[in-house]
Amino acid sequence: MRLLEERISGTDLPEFKALLSTIAHWREEILNYFDYPITNGFTEGKNNRIKTIKRMAYGYRNMDNFRMRILATNPGYEVKVSHLLM
């Protein structure tokens, strides 16, 4: 990472200056990924699926139906009648 910083620090391009600033601000978090390769991709995917369902439905009038639709679209999740009562 230091080599990258050294190579782009001599340029006058504002995009590279912004990149250097971002790297400096997030250095610890960026380097932590290499020790602990964990991301929030799974959560972001679930959130995206929920937003897509919401857009496709143009807003559910009943929150229970919206919840059931979300649960039904998760692979491996068995929707039960008891979930309607939650």
Protein backbone atom coordinates (compact mmCIF):
# COMPACT_ATOMS: atom_id res chain seq x y z
CA MET A 1 0.00 0.00 0.00
CA ARG A 2 2.88 2.35 0.72
CA LEU A 3 4.27 1.74 -2.76
CA LEU A 4 0.92 2.75 -4.26
CA GLU A 5 0.84 5.87 -2.11
CA GLU A 6 4.39 6.80 -3.13
CA ARG A 7 3.65 6.36 -6.82
CA ILE A 8 0.49 8.45 -6.90
CA SER A 9 1.51 11.12 -4.37
CA GLY A 10 3.58 12.95 -7.00
CA THR A 11 0.66 13.48 -9.36
CA ASP A 12 -1.55 16.55 -9.54
CA LEU A 13 -4.72 14.69 -10.50
CA PRO A 14 -7.51 15.51 -8.02
CA GLU A 15 -8.84 11.94 -8.27
CA PHE A 16 -5.54 10.56 -7.00
CA LYS A 17 -5.43 13.13 -4.21
CA ALA A 18 -8.92 12.02 -3.18
CA LEU A 19 -7.77 8.39 -3.31
CA LEU A 20 -4.80 9.16 -1.06
CA SER A 21 -7.08 10.91 1.40
CA THR A 22 -9.46 7.94 1.44
CA ILE A 23 -6.60 5.48 1.96
CA ALA A 24 -5.20 7.58 4.81
CA HIS A 25 -8.61 7.81 6.47
CA TRP A 26 -9.47 4.09 6.12
CA ARG A 27 -5.94 2.58 6.33
CA GLU A 28 -6.57 0.51 9.46
CA GLU A 29 -9.88 -0.87 8.16
CA ILE A 30 -8.41 -1.68 4.75
CA LEU A 31 -5.47 -3.54 6.27
CA ASN A 32 -7.72 -5.35 8.77
CA TYR A 33 -9.50 -7.00 5.86
CA PHE A 34 -6.33 -8.96 5.05
CA ASP A 35 -6.18 -10.30 8.63
CA TYR A 36 -9.93 -10.92 8.89
CA PRO A 37 -11.45 -11.30 5.39
CA ILE A 38 -15.02 -10.63 6.47
CA THR A 39 -17.37 -8.33 4.56
CA ASN A 40 -20.96 -7.21 4.93
CA GLY A 41 -21.78 -8.50 1.43
CA PHE A 42 -24.31 -11.03 2.73
CA THR A 43 -26.22 -8.35 4.63
CA GLU A 44 -26.07 -5.94 1.70
CA GLY A 45 -27.48 -8.67 -0.56
CA LYS A 46 -30.39 -9.33 1.80
CA ASN A 47 -31.09 -5.60 2.07
CA ASN A 48 -31.04 -5.28 -1.73
CA ARG A 49 -33.51 -8.16 -2.04
CA ILE A 50 -35.89 -6.50 0.43
CA LYS A 51 -35.69 -3.19 -1.43
CA THR A 52 -36.39 -4.97 -4.73
CA ILE A 53 -39.47 -6.68 -3.26
CA LYS A 54 -40.66 -3.34 -1.93
CA ARG A 55 -40.25 -1.69 -5.35
CA MET A 56 -42.00 -4.53 -7.17
CA ALA A 57 -44.97 -4.42 -4.80
CA TYR A 58 -45.41 -0.63 -4.93
CA GLY A 59 -45.87 -0.80 -1.17
CA TYR A 60 -47.68 -3.55 0.65
CA ARG A 61 -50.78 -2.39 2.51
CA ASN A 62 -50.33 -5.19 5.01
CA MET A 63 -46.98 -5.47 6.82
CA ASP A 64 -47.54 -9.20 7.44
CA ASN A 65 -47.80 -9.86 3.68
CA PHE A 66 -44.63 -7.86 3.08
CA ARG A 67 -42.80 -9.83 5.78
CA MET A 68 -44.03 -13.16 4.39
CA ARG A 69 -42.87 -12.21 0.89
CA ILE A 70 -39.40 -11.41 2.24
CA LEU A 71 -39.24 -14.70 4.15
CA ALA A 72 -40.53 -16.68 1.16
CA THR A 73 -37.75 -15.39 -1.12
CA ASN A 74 -34.95 -16.63 1.15
CA PRO A 75 -33.63 -19.96 -0.13
CA GLY A 76 -33.72 -22.71 2.46
CA TYR A 77 -36.18 -20.86 4.67
CA GLU A 78 -39.45 -22.68 5.25
CA VAL A 79 -42.37 -20.31 5.67
CA LYS A 80 -44.75 -21.51 8.35
CA VAL A 81 -48.23 -20.33 9.20
CA SER A 82 -47.00 -19.46 12.71
CA HIS A 83 -44.80 -16.76 11.17
CA LEU A 84 -47.94 -14.85 10.27
CA LEU A 85 -48.68 -14.41 13.95
CA MET A 86 -45.36 -12.74 14.80
